[in-house]
Amino acid sequence: MLSTQDRPPAPSRSTGRWRRYARLAAANFVRGASYACGTSFIGLMTWWVQSH
Protein backbone atom coordinates (compact mmCIF):
# COMPACT_ATOMS: atom_id res chain seq x y z
CA MET A 1 0.00 0.00 0.00
CA LEU A 2 1.07 3.54 -0.61
CA SER A 3 1.51 5.87 2.29
CA THR A 4 0.80 9.58 2.07
CA GLN A 5 4.50 10.26 1.46
CA ASP A 6 4.64 7.97 -1.58
CA ARG A 7 1.83 9.67 -3.44
CA PRO A 8 2.81 11.94 -6.34
CA PRO A 9 2.13 15.66 -5.78
CA ALA A 10 0.07 15.98 -8.98
CA PRO A 11 -3.28 16.91 -7.32
CA SER A 12 -1.74 19.79 -5.38
CA ARG A 13 -0.07 21.08 -8.54
CA SER A 14 -3.35 21.02 -10.49
CA THR A 15 -5.14 22.63 -7.53
CA GLY A 16 -2.59 25.44 -7.52
CA ARG A 17 -3.04 25.89 -11.24
CA TRP A 18 -6.84 26.12 -10.93
CA ARG A 19 -6.48 28.50 -8.00
CA ARG A 20 -4.22 30.72 -10.08
CA TYR A 21 -6.72 30.69 -12.96
CA ALA A 22 -9.55 31.53 -10.55
CA ARG A 23 -7.55 34.42 -9.10
CA LEU A 24 -6.77 35.70 -12.60
CA ALA A 25 -10.42 35.45 -13.62
CA ALA A 26 -11.50 37.27 -10.45
CA ALA A 27 -8.96 40.03 -11.05
CA ASN A 28 -10.13 40.45 -14.64
CA PHE A 29 -13.76 40.51 -13.48
CA VAL A 30 -13.02 43.22 -10.94
CA ARG A 31 -11.08 45.19 -13.55
CA GLY A 32 -13.95 44.94 -16.03
CA ALA A 33 -16.53 45.86 -13.41
CA SER A 34 -14.59 48.93 -12.33
CA TYR A 35 -14.14 49.97 -15.96
CA ALA A 36 -17.87 49.57 -16.57
CA CYS A 37 -18.74 51.56 -13.45
CA GLY A 38 -16.36 54.36 -14.43
CA THR A 39 -17.71 54.49 -17.97
CA SER A 40 -21.33 54.54 -16.80
CA PHE A 41 -20.51 57.25 -14.26
CA ILE A 42 -18.95 59.43 -16.96
CA GLY A 43 -21.97 58.81 -19.20
CA LEU A 44 -24.33 59.71 -16.37
CA MET A 45 -22.45 62.93 -15.65
CA THR A 46 -22.48 63.84 -19.35
CA TRP A 47 -26.23 63.20 -19.56
CA TRP A 48 -26.86 65.18 -16.37
CA VAL A 49 -24.87 68.20 -17.62
CA GLN A 50 -26.61 68.20 -20.99
CA SER A 51 -30.11 67.78 -19.56
CA HIS A 52 -29.82 70.53 -16.94
C-alpha atoms as a PDB file:
ATOM      1  CA  MET A   1       0.000   0.000   0.000  1.00  0.00           C
ATOM      2  CA  LEU A   2       1.066   3.544  -0.613  1.00  0.00           C
ATOM      3  CA  SER A   3       1.505   5.872   2.289  1.00  0.00           C
ATOM      4  CA  THR A   4       0.798   9.580   2.070  1.00  0.00           C
ATOM      5  CA  GLN A   5       4.498  10.261   1.459  1.00  0.00           C
ATOM      6  CA  ASP A   6       4.643   7.974  -1.585  1.00  0.00           C
ATOM      7  CA  ARG A   7       1.827   9.674  -3.445  1.00  0.00           C
ATOM      8  CA  PRO A   8       2.806  11.936  -6.337  1.00  0.00           C
ATOM      9  CA  PRO A   9       2.126  15.661  -5.777  1.00  0.00           C
ATOM     10  CA  ALA A  10       0.067  15.985  -8.978  1.00  0.00           C
ATOM     11  CA  PRO A  11      -3.276  16.910  -7.319  1.00  0.00           C
ATOM     12  CA  SER A  12      -1.736  19.788  -5.382  1.00  0.00           C
ATOM     13  CA  ARG A  13      -0.075  21.079  -8.536  1.00  0.00           C
ATOM     14  CA  SER A  14      -3.352  21.021 -10.490  1.00  0.00           C
ATOM     15  CA  THR A  15      -5.138  22.625  -7.530  1.00  0.00           C
ATOM     16  CA  GLY A  16      -2.594  25.441  -7.518  1.00  0.00           C
ATOM     17  CA  ARG A  17      -3.039  25.889 -11.240  1.00  0.00           C
ATOM     18  CA  TRP A  18      -6.844  26.118 -10.932  1.00  0.00           C
ATOM     19  CA  ARG A  19      -6.485  28.495  -7.997  1.00  0.00           C
ATOM     20  CA  ARG A  20      -4.223  30.717 -10.084  1.00  0.00           C
ATOM     21  CA  TYR A  21      -6.725  30.687 -12.956  1.00  0.00           C
ATOM     22  CA  ALA A  22      -9.546  31.526 -10.546  1.00  0.00           C
ATOM     23  CA  ARG A  23      -7.545  34.419  -9.099  1.00  0.00           C
ATOM     24  CA  LEU A  24      -6.773  35.696 -12.595  1.00  0.00           C
ATOM     25  CA  ALA A  25     -10.419  35.446 -13.622  1.00  0.00           C
ATOM     26  CA  ALA A  26     -11.504  37.269 -10.450  1.00  0.00           C
ATOM     27  CA  ALA A  27      -8.956  40.029 -11.054  1.00  0.00           C
ATOM     28  CA  ASN A  28     -10.130  40.448 -14.640  1.00  0.00           C
ATOM     29  CA  PHE A  29     -13.764  40.508 -13.482  1.00  0.00           C
ATOM     30  CA  VAL A  30     -13.016  43.224 -10.937  1.00  0.00           C
ATOM     31  CA  ARG A  31     -11.078  45.191 -13.548  1.00  0.00           C
ATOM     32  CA  GLY A  32     -13.952  44.938 -16.031  1.00  0.00           C
ATOM     33  CA  ALA A  33     -16.533  45.858 -13.407  1.00  0.00           C
ATOM     34  CA  SER A  34     -14.594  48.933 -12.329  1.00  0.00           C
ATOM     35  CA  TYR A  35     -14.139  49.966 -15.956  1.00  0.00           C
ATOM     36  CA  ALA A  36     -17.871  49.572 -16.574  1.00  0.00           C
ATOM     37  CA  CYS A  37     -18.740  51.564 -13.449  1.00  0.00           C
ATOM     38  CA  GLY A  38     -16.359  54.361 -14.427  1.00  0.00           C
ATOM     39  CA  THR A  39     -17.713  54.488 -17.969  1.00  0.00           C
ATOM     40  CA  SER A  40     -21.330  54.536 -16.800  1.00  0.00           C
ATOM     41  CA  PHE A  41     -20.514  57.254 -14.257  1.00  0.00           C
ATOM     42  CA  ILE A  42     -18.950  59.426 -16.964  1.00  0.00           C
ATOM     43  CA  GLY A  43     -21.970  58.813 -19.203  1.00  0.00           C
ATOM     44  CA  LEU A  44     -24.332  59.713 -16.371  1.00  0.00           C
ATOM     45  CA  MET A  45     -22.453  62.928 -15.652  1.00  0.00           C
ATOM     46  CA  THR A  46     -22.482  63.842 -19.349  1.00  0.00           C
ATOM     47  CA  TRP A  47     -26.231  63.200 -19.560  1.00  0.00           C
ATOM     48  CA  TRP A  48     -26.865  65.184 -16.374  1.00  0.00           C
ATOM     49  CA  VAL A  49     -24.871  68.203 -17.618  1.00  0.00           C
ATOM     50  CA  GLN A  50     -26.606  68.199 -20.995  1.00  0.00           C
ATOM     51  CA  SER A  51     -30.112  67.781 -19.563  1.00  0.00           C
ATOM     52  CA  HIS A  52     -29.815  70.530 -16.941  1.00  0.00           C
END
